[in-house]
C-alpha atoms as a PDB file:
ATOM      1  CA  MET A   1      86.508  81.096 112.968  1.00  0.00           C
ATOM      2  CA  LYS A   2      87.649  80.382 109.454  1.00  0.00           C
ATOM      3  CA  ALA A   3      90.552  82.307 107.978  1.00  0.00           C
ATOM      4  CA  ILE A   4      92.381  82.755 104.672  1.00  0.00           C
ATOM      5  CA  LEU A   5      96.145  83.331 104.839  1.00  0.00           C
ATOM      6  CA  VAL A   6      97.222  85.675 102.037  1.00  0.00           C
ATOM      7  CA  GLY A   7     100.898  85.336 101.170  1.00  0.00           C
ATOM      8  CA  LEU A   8     103.138  82.321 101.725  1.00  0.00           C
ATOM      9  CA  GLY A   9     106.539  84.008 102.053  1.00  0.00           C
ATOM     10  CA  GLY A  10     108.800  83.898 105.072  1.00  0.00           C
ATOM     11  CA  ARG A  11     106.563  85.930 107.395  1.00  0.00           C
ATOM     12  CA  ALA A  12     103.642  83.616 106.643  1.00  0.00           C
ATOM     13  CA  ARG A  13     105.362  80.903 108.671  1.00  0.00           C
ATOM     14  CA  HIS A  14     104.760  82.963 111.833  1.00  0.00           C
ATOM     15  CA  TRP A  15     101.085  83.590 111.101  1.00  0.00           C
ATOM     16  CA  GLN A  16     100.380  80.049 109.957  1.00  0.00           C
ATOM     17  CA  SER A  17     101.759  78.809 113.265  1.00  0.00           C
ATOM     18  CA  ALA A  18      99.781  81.414 115.256  1.00  0.00           C
ATOM     19  CA  CYS A  19      96.541  80.416 113.534  1.00  0.00           C
ATOM     20  CA  ASP A  20      97.213  76.690 113.927  1.00  0.00           C
ATOM     21  CA  LYS A  21      97.796  77.127 117.675  1.00  0.00           C
ATOM     22  CA  HIS A  22      94.673  79.204 118.275  1.00  0.00           C
ATOM     23  CA  PRO A  23      91.743  76.994 119.330  1.00  0.00           C
ATOM     24  CA  ASP A  24      89.163  79.278 117.679  1.00  0.00           C
ATOM     25  CA  VAL A  25      90.893  79.709 114.307  1.00  0.00           C
ATOM     26  CA  GLU A  26      90.963  77.339 111.330  1.00  0.00           C
ATOM     27  CA  LEU A  27      92.912  78.096 108.165  1.00  0.00           C
ATOM     28  CA  VAL A  28      90.665  77.062 105.270  1.00  0.00           C
ATOM     29  CA  ALA A  29      92.577  78.550 102.308  1.00  0.00           C
ATOM     30  CA  TYR A  30      95.868  80.136 101.305  1.00  0.00           C
ATOM     31  CA  VAL A  31      96.724  82.676  98.608  1.00  0.00           C
ATOM     32  CA  GLU A  32     100.029  82.767  96.762  1.00  0.00           C
ATOM     33  CA  PRO A  33     100.589  83.588  93.044  1.00  0.00           C
ATOM     34  CA  PHE A  34     104.259  82.568  92.867  1.00  0.00           C
ATOM     35  CA  GLU A  35     105.097  78.922  92.189  1.00  0.00           C
ATOM     36  CA  ALA A  36     108.338  78.890  94.164  1.00  0.00           C
ATOM     37  CA  SER A  37     106.585  80.143  97.296  1.00  0.00           C
ATOM     38  CA  LYS A  38     103.758  77.639  96.818  1.00  0.00           C
ATOM     39  CA  LYS A  39     106.199  74.773  96.527  1.00  0.00           C
ATOM     40  CA  ARG A  40     108.184  75.865  99.577  1.00  0.00           C
ATOM     41  CA  ALA A  41     105.023  76.177 101.674  1.00  0.00           C
ATOM     42  CA  MET A  42     103.845  72.721 100.644  1.00  0.00           C
ATOM     43  CA  GLU A  43     107.203  71.063 101.261  1.00  0.00           C
ATOM     44  CA  GLU A  44     108.270  72.866 104.423  1.00  0.00           C
ATOM     45  CA  ARG A  45     104.989  73.743 106.130  1.00  0.00           C
ATOM     46  CA  GLY A  46     102.587  71.092 104.889  1.00  0.00           C
ATOM     47  CA  VAL A  47     100.177  73.470 103.158  1.00  0.00           C
ATOM     48  CA  PRO A  48      97.726  71.369 101.053  1.00  0.00           C
ATOM     49  CA  GLU A  49      98.086  72.120  97.341  1.00  0.00           C
ATOM     50  CA  ASN A  50      94.319  72.051  96.763  1.00  0.00           C
ATOM     51  CA  LEU A  51      93.832  74.883  99.289  1.00  0.00           C
ATOM     52  CA  ILE A  52      96.256  77.315  97.618  1.00  0.00           C
ATOM     53  CA  PHE A  53      94.683  79.902  95.304  1.00  0.00           C
ATOM     54  CA  ASP A  54      96.215  82.500  93.002  1.00  0.00           C
ATOM     55  CA  SER A  55      94.104  85.392  94.328  1.00  0.00           C
ATOM     56  CA  LEU A  56      92.057  86.312  97.349  1.00  0.00           C
ATOM     57  CA  GLN A  57      89.020  86.648  95.115  1.00  0.00           C
ATOM     58  CA  ASP A  58      89.411  83.001  94.008  1.00  0.00           C
ATOM     59  CA  ALA A  59      89.852  81.814  97.579  1.00  0.00           C
ATOM     60  CA  ALA A  60      86.839  83.771  98.851  1.00  0.00           C
ATOM     61  CA  ASN A  61      84.692  82.319  96.070  1.00  0.00           C
ATOM     62  CA  ALA A  62      85.792  78.768  96.874  1.00  0.00           C
ATOM     63  CA  VAL A  63      85.510  78.697 100.679  1.00  0.00           C
ATOM     64  CA  GLU A  64      83.502  80.287 103.456  1.00  0.00           C
ATOM     65  CA  ALA A  65      85.662  82.422 105.734  1.00  0.00           C
ATOM     66  CA  ASP A  66      85.310  85.030 108.468  1.00  0.00           C
ATOM     67  CA  PHE A  67      88.542  86.905 107.909  1.00  0.00           C
ATOM     68  CA  ALA A  68      91.776  87.137 105.954  1.00  0.00           C
ATOM     69  CA  VAL A  69      95.320  87.530 107.262  1.00  0.00           C
ATOM     70  CA  ASP A  70      97.411  89.677 104.907  1.00  0.00           C
ATOM     71  CA  VAL A  71     101.122  88.771 104.959  1.00  0.00           C
ATOM     72  CA  THR A  72     101.995  90.299 101.570  1.00  0.00           C
ATOM     73  CA  PRO A  73     104.582  93.032 100.806  1.00  0.00           C
ATOM     74  CA  PRO A  74     103.516  96.598 101.702  1.00  0.00           C
ATOM     75  CA  ALA A  75     103.151  97.616  98.060  1.00  0.00           C
ATOM     76  CA  VAL A  76     100.104  95.342  97.622  1.00  0.00           C
ATOM     77  CA  HIS A  77      98.421  95.868 101.005  1.00  0.00           C
ATOM     78  CA  GLU A  78      95.857  98.223  99.487  1.00  0.00           C
ATOM     79  CA  THR A  79      94.996  95.738  96.745  1.00  0.00           C
ATOM     80  CA  ILE A  80      94.542  92.898  99.232  1.00  0.00           C
ATOM     81  CA  ALA A  81      92.480  95.073 101.576  1.00  0.00           C
ATOM     82  CA  MET A  82      90.115  96.138  98.813  1.00  0.00           C
ATOM     83  CA  ALA A  83      89.670  92.518  97.703  1.00  0.00           C
ATOM     84  CA  ALA A  84      88.940  91.449 101.287  1.00  0.00           C
ATOM     85  CA  PHE A  85      86.366  94.203 101.779  1.00  0.00           C
ATOM     86  CA  GLU A  86      84.694  93.408  98.457  1.00  0.00           C
ATOM     87  CA  ALA A  87      84.351  89.793  99.622  1.00  0.00           C
ATOM     88  CA  GLY A  88      82.914  90.933 102.967  1.00  0.00           C
ATOM     89  CA  LEU A  89      85.911  89.624 104.903  1.00  0.00           C
ATOM     90  CA  ASN A  90      87.296  91.105 108.088  1.00  0.00           C
ATOM     91  CA  LEU A  91      91.026  91.724 107.780  1.00  0.00           C
ATOM     92  CA  LEU A  92      94.076  91.297 109.998  1.00  0.00           C
ATOM     93  CA  GLY A  93      96.902  92.985 108.095  1.00  0.00           C
ATOM     94  CA  GLU A  94     100.642  93.067 108.629  1.00  0.00           C
ATOM     95  CA  LYS A  95     102.021  96.545 109.125  1.00  0.00           C
ATOM     96  CA  PRO A  96     102.322  98.964 107.493  1.00  0.00           C
ATOM     97  CA  LEU A  97      98.741  99.809 106.628  1.00  0.00           C
ATOM     98  CA  SER A  98     100.137 100.967 103.272  1.00  0.00           C
ATOM     99  CA  ASP A  99     103.408 102.217 101.828  1.00  0.00           C
ATOM    100  CA  ASP A 100     101.553 105.349 100.710  1.00  0.00           C
ATOM    101  CA  PHE A 101      99.644 107.706 103.032  1.00  0.00           C
ATOM    102  CA  GLU A 102      96.910 108.512 100.531  1.00  0.00           C
ATOM    103  CA  GLY A 103      96.516 104.783  99.946  1.00  0.00           C
ATOM    104  CA  ALA A 104      96.288 104.213 103.697  1.00  0.00           C
ATOM    105  CA  LYS A 105      93.468 106.753 103.930  1.00  0.00           C
ATOM    106  CA  ARG A 106      91.630 105.073 101.050  1.00  0.00           C
ATOM    107  CA  VAL A 107      91.894 101.706 102.769  1.00  0.00           C
ATOM    108  CA  VAL A 108      90.544 103.072 106.048  1.00  0.00           C
ATOM    109  CA  GLU A 109      87.526 104.628 104.353  1.00  0.00           C
ATOM    110  CA  ALA A 110      86.838 101.494 102.302  1.00  0.00           C
ATOM    111  CA  GLY A 111      86.919  99.308 105.404  1.00  0.00           C
ATOM    112  CA  LYS A 112      84.511 101.609 107.214  1.00  0.00           C
ATOM    113  CA  ALA A 113      82.172 101.643 104.216  1.00  0.00           C
ATOM    114  CA  ALA A 114      82.244  97.833 104.053  1.00  0.00           C
ATOM    115  CA  GLY A 115      81.376  97.583 107.750  1.00  0.00           C
ATOM    116  CA  VAL A 116      84.174  95.121 108.511  1.00  0.00           C
ATOM    117  CA  LYS A 117      86.797  94.921 111.247  1.00  0.00           C
ATOM    118  CA  HIS A 118      90.318  95.803 110.082  1.00  0.00           C
ATOM    119  CA  MET A 119      93.272  95.495 112.464  1.00  0.00           C
ATOM    120  CA  ILE A 120      96.974  96.198 111.854  1.00  0.00           C
ATOM    121  CA  THR A 121      99.561  93.961 113.517  1.00  0.00           C
ATOM    122  CA  GLN A 122     101.338  96.486 115.749  1.00  0.00           C
ATOM    123  CA  ASN A 123     102.645  93.645 117.879  1.00  0.00           C
ATOM    124  CA  TYR A 124     105.225  95.631 119.882  1.00  0.00           C
ATOM    125  CA  ARG A 125     102.568  97.422 121.942  1.00  0.00           C
ATOM    126  CA  PHE A 126     101.234  94.086 123.231  1.00  0.00           C
ATOM    127  CA  ASN A 127     104.497  93.285 125.045  1.00  0.00           C
ATOM    128  CA  ALA A 128     105.063  93.601 128.791  1.00  0.00           C
ATOM    129  CA  LEU A 129     107.122  96.828 128.783  1.00  0.00           C
ATOM    130  CA  PRO A 130     104.569  99.062 126.994  1.00  0.00           C
ATOM    131  CA  ARG A 131     101.570  97.423 128.726  1.00  0.00           C
ATOM    132  CA  THR A 132     103.101  97.898 132.175  1.00  0.00           C
ATOM    133  CA  THR A 133     104.158 101.441 131.303  1.00  0.00           C
ATOM    134  CA  ARG A 134     100.648 102.401 130.199  1.00  0.00           C
ATOM    135  CA  ARG A 135      99.181 101.052 133.445  1.00  0.00           C
ATOM    136  CA  LEU A 136     101.741 102.878 135.609  1.00  0.00           C
ATOM    137  CA  LEU A 137     101.397 106.191 133.791  1.00  0.00           C
ATOM    138  CA  ASP A 138      97.636 105.949 134.295  1.00  0.00           C
ATOM    139  CA  THR A 139      98.343 105.846 138.061  1.00  0.00           C
ATOM    140  CA  ASP A 140     100.440 109.053 137.849  1.00  0.00           C
ATOM    141  CA  ILE A 141     103.501 107.245 139.226  1.00  0.00           C
ATOM    142  CA  ILE A 142     105.735 110.038 137.852  1.00  0.00           C
ATOM    143  CA  GLY A 143     103.042 112.684 137.328  1.00  0.00           C
ATOM    144  CA  ASP A 144     102.244 114.114 133.903  1.00  0.00           C
ATOM    145  CA  VAL A 145     104.969 113.133 131.434  1.00  0.00           C
ATOM    146  CA  GLY A 146     106.767 116.167 130.020  1.00  0.00           C
ATOM    147  CA  GLN A 147     109.316 114.419 127.817  1.00  0.00           C
ATOM    148  CA  LEU A 148     109.902 110.969 126.367  1.00  0.00           C
ATOM    149  CA  ASP A 149     113.240 110.006 124.808  1.00  0.00           C
ATOM    150  CA  VAL A 150     113.688 106.819 122.769  1.00  0.00           C
ATOM    151  CA  SER A 151     117.029 105.445 121.519  1.00  0.00           C
ATOM    152  CA  LEU A 152     117.415 102.565 119.084  1.00  0.00           C
ATOM    153  CA  TYR A 153     120.811 101.197 118.051  1.00  0.00           C
ATOM    154  CA  VAL A 154     120.707  97.982 116.012  1.00  0.00           C
ATOM    155  CA  ASP A 155     122.625  96.165 113.272  1.00  0.00           C
ATOM    156  CA  TRP A 156     119.441  96.132 111.252  1.00  0.00           C
ATOM    157  CA  ALA A 157     118.410  94.519 107.952  1.00  0.00           C
ATOM    158  CA  ASP A 158     121.653  93.431 106.312  1.00  0.00           C
ATOM    159  CA  ASN A 159     120.231  90.997 103.742  1.00  0.00           C
ATOM    160  CA  PRO A 160     121.723  92.192 100.401  1.00  0.00           C
ATOM    161  CA  GLY A 161     119.153  93.212  97.802  1.00  0.00           C
ATOM    162  CA  SER A 162     116.105  93.218 100.081  1.00  0.00           C
ATOM    163  CA  HIS A 163     113.751  96.208 100.077  1.00  0.00           C
ATOM    164  CA  TYR A 164     115.026  97.056 103.569  1.00  0.00           C
ATOM    165  CA  VAL A 165     118.462  97.710 102.063  1.00  0.00           C
ATOM    166  CA  THR A 166     117.509  99.235  98.715  1.00  0.00           C
ATOM    167  CA  GLU A 167     114.547 101.524  99.452  1.00  0.00           C
ATOM    168  CA  PRO A 168     114.799 105.031 101.002  1.00  0.00           C
ATOM    169  CA  TYR A 169     113.959 105.727 104.657  1.00  0.00           C
ATOM    170  CA  MET A 170     113.308 102.053 105.458  1.00  0.00           C
ATOM    171  CA  PHE A 171     114.759 102.264 108.973  1.00  0.00           C
ATOM    172  CA  LEU A 172     112.421 105.139 109.739  1.00  0.00           C
ATOM    173  CA  THR A 173     109.364 103.514 108.176  1.00  0.00           C
ATOM    174  CA  ASP A 174     109.821  99.878 109.132  1.00  0.00           C
ATOM    175  CA  MET A 175     111.198 100.244 112.666  1.00  0.00           C
ATOM    176  CA  GLY A 176     109.832 103.715 113.307  1.00  0.00           C
ATOM    177  CA  ILE A 177     106.189 102.676 112.989  1.00  0.00           C
ATOM    178  CA  HIS A 178     106.604 100.231 115.899  1.00  0.00           C
ATOM    179  CA  HIS A 179     108.090 102.865 118.169  1.00  0.00           C
ATOM    180  CA  PHE A 180     105.775 105.657 117.063  1.00  0.00           C
ATOM    181  CA  ASP A 181     102.759 103.458 117.742  1.00  0.00           C
ATOM    182  CA  MET A 182     104.089 102.610 121.222  1.00  0.00           C
ATOM    183  CA  MET A 183     104.609 106.329 121.906  1.00  0.00           C
ATOM    184  CA  ARG A 184     100.937 106.992 121.224  1.00  0.00           C
ATOM    185  CA  TYR A 185      99.827 103.946 123.193  1.00  0.00           C
ATOM    186  CA  THR A 186     101.905 104.495 126.325  1.00  0.00           C
ATOM    187  CA  LEU A 187     101.351 108.258 126.529  1.00  0.00           C
ATOM    188  CA  ALA A 188      97.636 108.051 125.630  1.00  0.00           C
ATOM    189  CA  LEU A 189      98.224 111.252 123.657  1.00  0.00           C
ATOM    190  CA  GLU A 190      98.270 112.155 119.973  1.00  0.00           C
ATOM    191  CA  PRO A 191     101.163 113.734 118.029  1.00  0.00           C
ATOM    192  CA  VAL A 192     100.815 117.238 116.608  1.00  0.00           C
ATOM    193  CA  SER A 193     103.980 117.867 114.593  1.00  0.00           C
ATOM    194  CA  VAL A 194     107.328 116.339 113.615  1.00  0.00           C
ATOM    195  CA  HIS A 195     110.823 117.552 112.708  1.00  0.00           C
ATOM    196  CA  ALA A 196     113.196 114.876 111.379  1.00  0.00           C
ATOM    197  CA  LEU A 197     116.818 114.628 110.292  1.00  0.00           C
ATOM    198  CA  THR A 198     118.108 111.457 108.628  1.00  0.00           C
ATOM    199  CA  TRP A 199     121.539 110.435 107.311  1.00  0.00           C
ATOM    200  CA  ASN A 200     123.857 107.518 106.585  1.00  0.00           C
ATOM    201  CA  LEU A 201     127.121 106.549 108.242  1.00  0.00           C
ATOM    202  CA  PRO A 202     130.182 105.918 106.025  1.00  0.00           C
ATOM    203  CA  TRP A 203     130.116 102.155 106.599  1.00  0.00           C
ATOM    204  CA  GLY A 204     126.329 101.762 106.362  1.00  0.00           C
ATOM    205  CA  TRP A 205     125.023  99.028 104.071  1.00  0.00           C
ATOM    206  CA  HIS A 206     121.675 100.704 103.308  1.00  0.00           C
ATOM    207  CA  GLN A 207     121.105 102.730 100.160  1.00  0.00           C
ATOM    208  CA  GLY A 208     118.520 104.802 102.038  1.00  0.00           C
ATOM    209  CA  ASP A 209     119.186 106.680 105.276  1.00  0.00           C
ATOM    210  CA  ALA A 210     119.518 104.381 108.290  1.00  0.00           C
ATOM    211  CA  CYS A 211     120.188 106.979 110.999  1.00  0.00           C
ATOM    212  CA  GLN A 212     117.762 109.517 112.383  1.00  0.00           C
ATOM    213  CA  LEU A 213     117.000 112.163 114.966  1.00  0.00           C
ATOM    214  CA  ILE A 214     113.302 113.022 115.204  1.00  0.00           C
ATOM    215  CA  LEU A 215     111.390 115.411 117.443  1.00  0.00           C
ATOM    216  CA  PHE A 216     107.638 114.980 117.863  1.00  0.00           C
ATOM    217  CA  ARG A 217     105.419 117.490 119.611  1.00  0.00           C
ATOM    218  CA  PHE A 218     102.471 115.731 121.233  1.00  0.00           C
ATOM    219  CA  GLU A 219      99.317 117.062 122.808  1.00  0.00           C
ATOM    220  CA  ASN A 220      99.823 118.954 126.086  1.00  0.00           C
ATOM    221  CA  ASN A 221     103.177 120.105 124.647  1.00  0.00           C
ATOM    222  CA  VAL A 222     104.809 116.789 125.527  1.00  0.00           C
ATOM    223  CA  MET A 223     108.133 116.550 123.691  1.00  0.00           C
ATOM    224  CA  VAL A 224     109.201 113.173 122.304  1.00  0.00           C
ATOM    225  CA  THR A 225     112.518 112.357 120.656  1.00  0.00           C
ATOM    226  CA  HIS A 226     113.522 109.304 118.638  1.00  0.00           C
ATOM    227  CA  ARG A 227     117.172 108.794 117.775  1.00  0.00           C
ATOM    228  CA  GLY A 228     118.646 105.758 116.142  1.00  0.00           C
ATOM    229  CA  ILE A 229     121.330 104.048 114.122  1.00  0.00           C
ATOM    230  CA  GLY A 230     120.342 101.081 112.007  1.00  0.00           C
ATOM    231  CA  CYS A 231     123.912 100.094 111.142  1.00  0.00           C
ATOM    232  CA  THR A 232     125.690 100.041 114.491  1.00  0.00           C
ATOM    233  CA  MET A 233     128.808  97.902 114.751  1.00  0.00           C
ATOM    234  CA  GLY A 234     128.719  97.873 118.539  1.00  0.00           C
ATOM    235  CA  HIS A 235     126.603  96.901 121.507  1.00  0.00           C
ATOM    236  CA  VAL A 236     122.853  96.463 120.969  1.00  0.00           C
ATOM    237  CA  PRO A 237     121.441  97.209 124.436  1.00  0.00           C
ATOM    238  CA  ALA A 238     117.772  96.295 124.097  1.00  0.00           C
ATOM    239  CA  GLY A 239     117.125  94.578 120.800  1.00  0.00           C
ATOM    240  CA  HIS A 240     114.488  96.244 118.660  1.00  0.00           C
ATOM    241  CA  ASN A 241     112.637  97.573 121.705  1.00  0.00           C
ATOM    242  CA  GLY A 242     115.200 100.315 122.179  1.00  0.00           C
ATOM    243  CA  GLU A 243     115.722 102.189 125.426  1.00  0.00           C
ATOM    244  CA  TRP A 244     112.993 104.540 126.688  1.00  0.00           C
ATOM    245  CA  ARG A 245     112.947 107.318 129.299  1.00  0.00           C
ATOM    246  CA  TYR A 246     109.731 108.975 130.499  1.00  0.00           C
ATOM    247  CA  ASP A 247     110.367 112.160 132.536  1.00  0.00           C
ATOM    248  CA  GLY A 248     107.771 113.575 134.916  1.00  0.00           C
ATOM    249  CA  PRO A 249     107.724 115.843 137.991  1.00  0.00           C
ATOM    250  CA  GLN A 250     107.824 112.808 140.302  1.00  0.00           C
ATOM    251  CA  GLY A 251     110.712 111.001 138.608  1.00  0.00           C
ATOM    252  CA  THR A 252     111.324 108.778 135.619  1.00  0.00           C
ATOM    253  CA  LEU A 253     110.286 105.452 134.154  1.00  0.00           C
ATOM    254  CA  THR A 254     113.057 103.859 132.101  1.00  0.00           C
ATOM    255  CA  TRP A 255     113.316 100.790 129.897  1.00  0.00           C
ATOM    256  CA  GLU A 256     116.844  99.484 130.447  1.00  0.00           C
ATOM    257  CA  GLY A 257     117.596  96.449 128.378  1.00  0.00           C
ATOM    258  CA  PHE A 258     114.479  94.371 128.917  1.00  0.00           C
ATOM    259  CA  ASP A 259     113.815  95.683 132.436  1.00  0.00           C
ATOM    260  CA  MET A 260     111.945  98.703 133.787  1.00  0.00           C
ATOM    261  CA  TYR A 261     112.936 101.052 136.594  1.00  0.00           C
ATOM    262  CA  HIS A 262     111.241 103.825 138.531  1.00  0.00           C
ATOM    263  CA  SER A 263     113.658 106.486 139.729  1.00  0.00           C
ATOM    264  CA  LEU A 264     113.452 109.728 141.703  1.00  0.00           C
ATOM    265  CA  LYS A 265     116.622 111.621 142.571  1.00  0.00           C
ATOM    266  CA  HIS A 266     115.645 115.213 143.292  1.00  0.00           C
ATOM    267  CA  LYS A 267     117.403 116.545 146.389  1.00  0.00           C
ATOM    268  CA  ALA A 268     114.123 117.629 148.013  1.00  0.00           C
ATOM    269  CA  ASP A 269     112.633 114.114 147.941  1.00  0.00           C
ATOM    270  CA  PRO A 270     113.575 110.670 149.241  1.00  0.00           C
ATOM    271  CA  GLN A 271     115.559 108.905 146.535  1.00  0.00           C
ATOM    272  CA  ILE A 272     113.947 106.001 144.683  1.00  0.00           C
ATOM    273  CA  ARG A 273     115.583 103.464 142.422  1.00  0.00           C
ATOM    274  CA  GLU A 274     113.450 100.354 142.074  1.00  0.00           C
ATOM    275  CA  GLN A 275     112.973  97.750 139.411  1.00  0.00           C
ATOM    276  CA  ILE A 276     109.369  97.302 138.338  1.00  0.00           C
ATOM    277  CA  GLU A 277     107.966  93.801 138.044  1.00  0.00           C
ATOM    278  CA  LEU A 278     106.432  93.597 134.586  1.00  0.00           C
ATOM    279  CA  ASP A 279     102.805  92.615 134.129  1.00  0.00           C
ATOM    280  CA  ASP A 280     101.983  89.127 132.861  1.00  0.00           C
ATOM    281  CA  VAL A 281     100.350  90.310 129.661  1.00  0.00           C
ATOM    282  CA  ASN A 282      99.943  87.016 127.819  1.00  0.00           C
ATOM    283  CA  PRO A 283      99.052  84.189 130.220  1.00  0.00           C
ATOM    284  CA  SER A 284      97.414  82.113 127.479  1.00  0.00           C
ATOM    285  CA  GLY A 285     100.604  81.917 125.409  1.00  0.00           C
ATOM    286  CA  LEU A 286      98.590  82.553 122.244  1.00  0.00           C
ATOM    287  CA  ASN A 287      99.557  85.252 119.763  1.00  0.00           C
ATOM    288  CA  PRO A 288      98.209  88.402 121.509  1.00  0.00           C
ATOM    289  CA  VAL A 289      97.463  90.280 118.277  1.00  0.00           C
ATOM    290  CA  LEU A 290      95.454  87.389 116.880  1.00  0.00           C
ATOM    291  CA  GLN A 291      93.719  86.956 120.238  1.00  0.00           C
ATOM    292  CA  GLU A 292      92.661  90.630 120.303  1.00  0.00           C
ATOM    293  CA  PHE A 293      91.353  90.358 116.745  1.00  0.00           C
ATOM    294  CA  VAL A 294      89.350  87.197 117.457  1.00  0.00           C
ATOM    295  CA  ASP A 295      87.954  88.717 120.654  1.00  0.00           C
ATOM    296  CA  ALA A 296      86.898  91.844 118.749  1.00  0.00           C
ATOM    297  CA  LEU A 297      85.075  89.749 116.143  1.00  0.00           C
ATOM    298  CA  LYS A 298      83.295  87.746 118.839  1.00  0.00           C
ATOM    299  CA  GLU A 299      82.325  90.878 120.774  1.00  0.00           C
ATOM    300  CA  ASP A 300      81.441  92.890 117.653  1.00  0.00           C
ATOM    301  CA  ARG A 301      83.716  95.801 118.571  1.00  0.00           C
ATOM    302  CA  GLN A 302      86.628  97.595 116.974  1.00  0.00           C
ATOM    303  CA  PRO A 303      89.936  95.901 117.812  1.00  0.00           C
ATOM    304  CA  GLU A 304      92.870  97.702 119.339  1.00  0.00           C
ATOM    305  CA  CYS A 305      95.162  98.866 116.504  1.00  0.00           C
ATOM    306  CA  ASN A 306      92.214  99.088 114.156  1.00  0.00           C
ATOM    307  CA  ALA A 307      93.071 100.680 110.827  1.00  0.00           C
ATOM    308  CA  GLU A 308      91.462 104.040 111.585  1.00  0.00           C
ATOM    309  CA  ASP A 309      93.483 104.361 114.794  1.00  0.00           C
ATOM    310  CA  ASN A 310      96.638 103.091 113.088  1.00  0.00           C
ATOM    311  CA  LEU A 311      96.364 105.887 110.548  1.00  0.00           C
ATOM    312  CA  LYS A 312      97.533 108.235 113.333  1.00  0.00           C
ATOM    313  CA  SER A 313     100.739 106.211 113.753  1.00  0.00           C
ATOM    314  CA  MET A 314     101.166 106.179 109.973  1.00  0.00           C
ATOM    315  CA  ALA A 315     100.897 109.971 109.943  1.00  0.00           C
ATOM    316  CA  MET A 316     103.948 110.086 112.215  1.00  0.00           C
ATOM    317  CA  VAL A 317     105.901 108.002 109.693  1.00  0.00           C
ATOM    318  CA  PHE A 318     104.936 109.955 106.601  1.00  0.00           C
ATOM    319  CA  GLY A 319     105.241 113.271 108.402  1.00  0.00           C
ATOM    320  CA  ALA A 320     108.788 112.341 109.433  1.00  0.00           C
ATOM    321  CA  VAL A 321     109.692 111.341 105.873  1.00  0.00           C
ATOM    322  CA  LYS A 322     108.263 114.618 104.537  1.00  0.00           C
ATOM    323  CA  SER A 323     110.247 116.572 107.135  1.00  0.00           C
ATOM    324  CA  ALA A 324     113.456 114.684 106.322  1.00  0.00           C
ATOM    325  CA  LYS A 325     113.023 115.399 102.607  1.00  0.00           C
ATOM    326  CA  GLU A 326     112.017 119.041 102.873  1.00  0.00           C
ATOM    327  CA  GLY A 327     113.569 120.220 106.139  1.00  0.00           C
ATOM    328  CA  GLY A 328     111.628 121.976 108.855  1.00  0.00           C
ATOM    329  CA  GLU A 329     108.700 121.053 111.075  1.00  0.00           C
ATOM    330  CA  VAL A 330     105.637 119.336 109.574  1.00  0.00           C
ATOM    331  CA  GLN A 331     102.176 119.710 111.054  1.00  0.00           C
ATOM    332  CA  LEU A 332     100.568 116.273 110.959  1.00  0.00           C
ATOM    333  CA  SER A 333      97.121 117.774 110.437  1.00  0.00           C
ATOM    334  CA  ASP A 334      98.361 119.047 107.037  1.00  0.00           C
ATOM    335  CA  LEU A 335      99.040 115.562 105.650  1.00  0.00           C
END
């Protein structure tokens, strides 16, 4: 399948490599309007000058392609998506779907109207911990989950002047979307409402709030908390995965570091404390997000993390921001 890579900044290096390694994908064009980024891509990554175009429209007119990979900043995701749909291209887009919820809804409707496949790169859910968790919860290993608690403590995004440092609520929106999407995936439930508090610590290097305590109410009255500090000066126990605890009537599943444990310690039952062997979720070694997208195109089906589904994870983000700004609980159906 032939692809156009849109954006030649730092993140493009990852997607160029993923496409080059995939046996069914060929990059036939690149899009980048800025000369410095063009030059860097040619010098450092061997991108042919004659295959770089200033716009997606120009690239689509010059080459035949099956899909585009959008690696541009969030502020232009809607523009790129609309150009892809107008050209009849399927789209694999870096998260977030948009930096604006109304824009995200417009993009979803435009993709549906164009009849194309549109997938968002929620790569965290393709890792072994969430995949194994989803499988085990489907077997009722701990019964029906009543509460999920997620903690994330990282020394996050300290590059001076970047949008991560200068824009409001970036810890919530950039890191939160990964975790919120994994909540939905592992629980196989949808969120109903959100109540969020955000703040900064005295030594924090972010202009926007980089600390948060969020309560989501999910279907079946499952309670889910997300607490985090994006400017910790201490131990980072589990990287950007965070530490997770699923509580059910038959015990807990916990993500501890990069391992998983099943525990049961009620006095009326035999005690259990066992490490779970994680599933081998990527035996091919190929980028799992790209593989899912290619498979969906071949099989003419909607990919996992398609844009319409991802809108539900986006609602969690924008609902949390609204709650943090206004105070009080926000019903996600009101967004």
